Amino acid sequence: MRKVEAVEMPRGLVEANAPVLRNVVRDLTAVERAFGRGIPRYLGDYGDVFDELWASVGLEEVPV
């Protein structure tokens, strides 16, 4: 595991496309701050984070 900012990511994800994941986490953090919610410092399941981000902005499905 490699620590990237405040989120731990497996090295494979870091090498694959970590900037996308970091942006998702940053966006989720911004949305939750706006609504007064906190998130764990270390996020384990990026799929759940991504789904929660889309749900928090009112989208049920990811646009293709």
Protein backbone atom coordinates (compact mmCIF):
# COMPACT_ATOMS: atom_id res chain seq x y z
CA MET A 1 0.00 0.00 0.00
CA ARG A 2 1.11 3.52 -0.71
CA LYS A 3 -0.34 6.47 1.17
CA VAL A 4 -1.59 9.16 -1.22
CA GLU A 5 -2.66 12.31 0.57
CA ALA A 6 -5.07 11.16 3.31
CA VAL A 7 -6.22 8.05 1.46
CA GLU A 8 -4.52 4.67 1.29
CA MET A 9 -4.62 3.04 -2.13
CA PRO A 10 -3.21 -0.24 -3.40
CA ARG A 11 -0.18 0.37 -5.62
CA GLY A 12 -2.05 -1.08 -8.64
CA LEU A 13 -4.70 1.63 -8.36
CA VAL A 14 -2.07 4.30 -7.94
CA GLU A 15 -0.32 3.13 -11.10
CA ALA A 16 -3.57 2.57 -13.03
CA ASN A 17 -5.25 5.94 -12.62
CA ALA A 18 -5.02 7.26 -9.09
CA PRO A 19 -5.61 10.92 -10.02
CA VAL A 20 -9.20 9.98 -10.92
CA LEU A 21 -9.69 8.30 -7.55
CA ARG A 22 -8.14 11.23 -5.68
CA ASN A 23 -10.48 13.62 -7.49
CA VAL A 24 -13.49 11.49 -6.53
CA VAL A 25 -12.42 11.53 -2.89
CA ARG A 26 -11.80 15.30 -3.00
CA ASP A 27 -15.20 15.88 -4.61
CA LEU A 28 -16.91 13.71 -2.03
CA THR A 29 -15.14 15.58 0.77
CA ALA A 30 -16.27 18.92 -0.67
CA VAL A 31 -19.87 17.74 -1.01
CA GLU A 32 -19.93 16.37 2.53
CA ARG A 33 -18.38 19.55 3.95
CA ALA A 34 -21.08 21.56 2.20
CA PHE A 35 -23.75 19.41 3.85
CA GLY A 36 -22.00 19.20 7.23
CA ARG A 37 -21.06 15.51 7.07
CA GLY A 38 -17.69 13.99 7.80
CA ILE A 39 -15.94 11.10 6.06
CA PRO A 40 -13.44 8.62 7.46
CA ARG A 41 -9.83 9.64 7.01
CA TYR A 42 -9.02 6.37 5.28
CA LEU A 43 -11.52 5.10 2.74
CA GLY A 44 -11.53 1.43 1.94
CA ASP A 45 -14.05 0.91 -0.84
CA TYR A 46 -13.72 3.38 -3.70
CA GLY A 47 -16.80 1.99 -5.44
CA ASP A 48 -18.93 2.93 -2.44
CA VAL A 49 -17.30 6.36 -2.31
CA PHE A 50 -18.04 6.92 -6.00
CA ASP A 51 -21.65 5.74 -5.61
CA GLU A 52 -22.15 7.98 -2.59
CA LEU A 53 -20.71 10.94 -4.47
CA TRP A 54 -23.16 10.47 -7.34
CA ALA A 55 -26.05 9.91 -4.93
CA SER A 56 -25.18 13.07 -2.99
CA VAL A 57 -25.44 15.18 -6.15
CA GLY A 58 -28.75 13.56 -7.10
CA LEU A 59 -27.65 11.21 -9.87
CA GLU A 60 -28.71 7.58 -9.77
CA GLU A 61 -26.47 6.36 -12.59
CA VAL A 62 -23.07 7.41 -13.80
CA PRO A 63 -23.39 9.15 -17.17
CA VAL A 64 -21.71 7.28 -20.03
